[in-house]
Protein backbone atom coordinates (compact mmCIF):
# COMPACT_ATOMS: atom_id res chain seq x y z
CA UNK A 1 0.00 0.00 0.00
CA UNK A 2 1.28 3.46 -0.90
CA UNK A 3 1.38 6.10 1.80
CA UNK A 4 1.37 9.87 1.85
CA UNK A 5 4.15 11.54 3.79
CA UNK A 6 3.38 15.07 4.98
CA UNK A 7 6.38 17.10 6.12
CA UNK A 8 6.68 20.18 8.26
CA UNK A 9 9.11 22.71 6.77
CA UNK A 10 10.91 24.74 9.45
CA UNK A 11 13.15 22.67 11.68
CA UNK A 12 12.26 19.51 9.73
CA UNK A 13 13.25 19.98 6.09
CA UNK A 14 14.71 23.48 6.18
CA UNK A 15 17.36 24.67 8.62
CA UNK A 16 15.59 27.81 9.68
CA UNK A 17 18.22 28.37 12.36
CA UNK A 18 20.67 29.49 9.65
CA UNK A 19 18.52 32.45 8.59
CA UNK A 20 16.37 33.01 11.67
CA UNK A 21 18.76 35.04 13.78
CA UNK A 22 19.95 37.04 10.79
CA UNK A 23 16.41 37.93 9.64
CA UNK A 24 15.21 38.63 13.16
CA UNK A 25 18.22 40.87 13.81
CA UNK A 26 17.55 42.71 10.57
CA UNK A 27 13.93 43.20 11.59
CA UNK A 28 14.76 44.49 15.05
CA UNK A 29 17.56 46.66 13.62
CA UNK A 30 14.82 48.19 11.49
CA UNK A 31 12.65 48.74 14.56
CA UNK A 32 15.59 50.23 16.48
CA UNK A 33 16.34 52.59 13.59
CA UNK A 34 12.76 53.84 13.83
CA UNK A 35 13.06 54.07 17.63
CA UNK A 36 10.34 51.48 18.06
CA UNK A 37 12.49 49.01 19.98
CA UNK A 38 15.15 49.35 22.67
CA UNK A 39 17.47 46.54 23.65
CA UNK A 40 18.74 43.33 22.08
CA UNK A 41 16.89 41.14 19.63
CA UNK A 42 14.76 38.56 21.56
CA UNK A 43 16.20 35.59 19.67
CA UNK A 44 16.07 33.20 22.65
CA UNK A 45 12.42 34.01 23.27
CA UNK A 46 11.68 33.30 19.62
CA UNK A 47 13.52 29.98 19.70
CA UNK A 48 11.30 28.87 22.58
CA UNK A 49 8.17 29.34 20.47
CA UNK A 50 9.61 28.42 17.08
CA UNK A 51 7.04 26.62 14.97
CA UNK A 52 3.93 28.53 16.03
CA UNK A 53 2.09 30.69 13.47
CA UNK A 54 3.68 34.11 12.96
CA UNK A 55 0.71 36.07 14.39
CA UNK A 56 1.34 34.24 17.67
CA UNK A 57 5.07 35.02 17.39
CA UNK A 58 4.48 38.77 17.20
CA UNK A 59 1.84 38.76 19.93
CA UNK A 60 4.45 37.09 22.14
CA UNK A 61 7.49 39.18 21.16
CA UNK A 62 5.69 42.50 20.76
CA UNK A 63 2.80 42.50 23.26
CA UNK A 64 2.90 46.29 23.48
CA UNK A 65 2.24 46.71 19.73
CA UNK A 66 -1.22 46.99 18.22
CA UNK A 67 -2.35 44.59 15.50
CA UNK A 68 -1.52 46.90 12.60
CA UNK A 69 2.01 47.51 13.89
CA UNK A 70 2.57 43.76 14.32
CA UNK A 71 1.39 43.15 10.76
CA UNK A 72 3.92 45.69 9.50
CA UNK A 73 6.71 43.97 11.45
CA UNK A 74 5.56 40.61 10.14
CA UNK A 75 5.68 41.84 6.55
CA UNK A 76 9.18 43.24 6.99
CA UNK A 77 10.40 40.04 8.65
CA UNK A 78 9.02 38.00 5.78
CA UNK A 79 10.95 40.07 3.23
CA UNK A 80 14.17 39.51 5.15
CA UNK A 81 13.59 35.75 5.43
CA UNK A 82 12.94 35.46 1.71
CA UNK A 83 15.98 37.55 0.83
CA UNK A 84 18.19 35.35 3.01
CA UNK A 85 16.80 32.22 1.34
CA UNK A 86 17.41 33.67 -2.12
CA UNK A 87 20.94 34.65 -1.09
CA UNK A 88 21.68 31.04 -0.13
CA UNK A 89 22.08 31.68 3.58
CA UNK A 90 19.80 28.79 4.54
CA UNK A 91 20.14 25.05 3.93
CA UNK A 92 18.13 21.86 3.87
CA UNK A 93 18.81 19.29 6.56
CA UNK A 94 21.20 16.55 5.54
CA UNK A 95 19.41 13.77 3.71
CA UNK A 96 16.31 15.65 2.54
CA UNK A 97 16.81 15.15 -1.19
CA UNK A 98 17.93 11.54 -0.79
CA UNK A 99 14.84 10.77 1.31
CA UNK A 100 12.55 12.47 -1.19
CA UNK A 101 14.04 10.52 -4.07
CA UNK A 102 13.71 7.21 -2.24
CA UNK A 103 10.09 7.86 -1.23
CA UNK A 104 9.33 8.98 -4.77
CA UNK A 105 10.81 5.80 -6.23
CA UNK A 106 8.65 3.77 -3.83
CA UNK A 107 5.58 5.57 -5.10
CA UNK A 108 4.71 7.51 -1.97
CA UNK A 109 3.22 10.99 -2.43
CA UNK A 110 4.79 13.85 -0.47
CA UNK A 111 3.38 17.13 0.79
CA UNK A 112 4.42 20.04 2.97
CA UNK A 113 2.14 21.39 5.69
CA UNK A 114 3.73 24.36 7.42
CA UNK A 115 2.98 27.24 9.75
CA UNK A 116 5.10 29.36 7.39
CA UNK A 117 3.51 31.85 5.03
CA UNK A 118 2.88 31.14 1.35
CA UNK A 119 5.61 33.40 -0.09
CA UNK A 120 8.19 32.15 2.39
CA UNK A 121 7.46 28.50 1.64
CA UNK A 122 7.49 29.14 -2.08
CA UNK A 123 10.91 30.78 -1.79
CA UNK A 124 12.30 27.59 -0.21
CA UNK A 125 10.57 25.27 -2.68
CA UNK A 126 11.80 27.33 -5.62
CA UNK A 127 15.38 27.80 -4.39
CA UNK A 128 15.87 24.08 -3.69
CA UNK A 129 13.59 22.84 -6.53
CA UNK A 130 11.57 20.73 -4.10
CA UNK A 131 8.53 20.68 -6.37
CA UNK A 132 10.29 17.92 -8.27
CA UNK A 133 9.12 15.64 -5.44
CA UNK A 134 6.52 17.57 -3.47
CA UNK A 135 2.96 17.21 -4.79
CA UNK A 136 1.74 20.39 -3.08
CA UNK A 137 2.81 22.79 -0.34
CA UNK A 138 0.24 23.99 2.17
CA UNK A 139 0.57 27.07 4.37
CA UNK A 140 -1.30 27.82 7.59
CA UNK A 141 -2.15 31.07 5.81
CA UNK A 142 -4.62 29.11 3.68
CA UNK A 143 -6.98 28.26 6.55
CA UNK A 144 -8.78 30.37 9.14
CA UNK A 145 -8.17 28.30 12.27
CA UNK A 146 -4.33 28.39 12.43
CA UNK A 147 -4.61 24.73 13.50
CA UNK A 148 -2.17 22.41 11.75
CA UNK A 149 -4.56 19.51 12.22
CA UNK A 150 -7.04 21.36 10.04
CA UNK A 151 -4.29 22.12 7.52
CA UNK A 152 -3.38 18.45 7.24
CA UNK A 153 -7.09 17.65 6.92
CA UNK A 154 -7.18 19.90 3.84
CA UNK A 155 -4.55 17.69 2.20
CA UNK A 156 -6.23 14.48 3.33
CA UNK A 157 -9.60 15.55 1.96
CA UNK A 158 -8.37 17.00 -1.33
CA UNK A 159 -6.28 13.96 -2.22
CA UNK A 160 -8.57 11.40 -0.53
CA UNK A 161 -5.69 10.02 1.52
CA UNK A 162 -6.32 6.91 3.59
CA UNK A 163 -3.01 6.34 5.37
CA UNK A 164 0.20 8.18 5.91
CA UNK A 165 2.67 9.99 8.10
CA UNK A 166 3.22 13.48 9.42
CA UNK A 167 6.90 14.27 9.93
CA UNK A 168 7.77 17.28 12.07
CA UNK A 169 9.68 18.62 15.03
CA UNK A 170 6.93 20.17 17.17
CA UNK A 171 3.80 19.11 19.05
CA UNK A 172 1.56 20.73 16.45
CA UNK A 173 2.85 18.23 13.86
CA UNK A 174 2.32 15.29 16.20
CA UNK A 175 -1.20 16.39 17.09
CA UNK A 176 -2.01 17.01 13.42
CA UNK A 177 -1.09 13.41 12.66
CA UNK A 178 -3.21 12.13 15.52
CA UNK A 179 -6.21 14.25 14.54
CA UNK A 180 -6.14 12.75 11.04
CA UNK A 181 -5.39 9.16 11.94
CA UNK A 182 -1.84 9.32 10.57
CA UNK A 183 1.40 8.07 12.10
CA UNK A 184 3.51 10.80 13.68
CA UNK A 185 7.28 10.94 13.28
CA UNK A 186 8.96 13.45 15.56
CA UNK A 187 12.31 14.92 14.50
CA UNK A 188 14.82 15.54 17.26
CA UNK A 189 16.35 18.53 15.49
CA UNK A 190 17.20 22.12 16.42
CA UNK A 191 13.88 23.35 17.78
CA UNK A 192 12.45 20.08 19.08
CA UNK A 193 11.47 19.70 22.72
CA UNK A 194 11.74 16.34 24.45
CA UNK A 195 8.43 16.71 26.28
CA UNK A 196 6.68 17.18 22.95
CA UNK A 197 8.52 14.35 21.21
CA UNK A 198 7.21 11.91 23.82
CA UNK A 199 3.81 12.25 22.18
CA UNK A 200 5.07 11.01 18.79
CA UNK A 201 4.63 7.46 17.50
CA UNK A 202 8.26 7.47 16.39
CA UNK A 203 11.23 9.78 16.98
CA UNK A 204 14.18 10.14 14.60
CA UNK A 205 17.57 11.81 14.94
CA UNK A 206 18.19 11.93 11.18
CA UNK A 207 15.86 12.06 8.21
CA UNK A 208 17.30 8.82 6.81
CA UNK A 209 15.47 7.01 9.63
CA UNK A 210 12.11 8.14 8.21
CA UNK A 211 12.50 5.72 5.31
CA UNK A 212 12.95 2.77 7.67
CA UNK A 213 9.76 3.70 9.51
CA UNK A 214 7.77 4.05 6.31
CA UNK A 215 9.05 0.67 5.12
CA UNK A 216 8.21 -0.96 8.44
CA UNK A 217 4.69 0.46 8.56
CA UNK A 218 4.03 -0.35 4.92
CA UNK A 219 5.08 -3.98 5.32
CA UNK A 220 2.97 -4.38 8.47
CA UNK A 221 -0.26 -3.44 6.66
Foldseek 3Di string as FASTA:
>chain_A
DAAEEEEEPDQFWKPCVQQVVVLQQVLVVVCVVVVNDDDHRPPVVCLQVPQAAQVVVCCVRPVVDDPVVSVVSVVSSLVSLLVCLVVVRIDTAPPPVVVLVVSVVVPYAYEYEGSDDDVNVVSNCVSVVVVVRHVYYHYCVVDDPSQSLVRVVVVCVVVVGDEYEYEEAFLSSQVSCVSVVYAYEHEPGDSHDPVSRVSHPHYDPGPVVVVVVVVVVVVVD
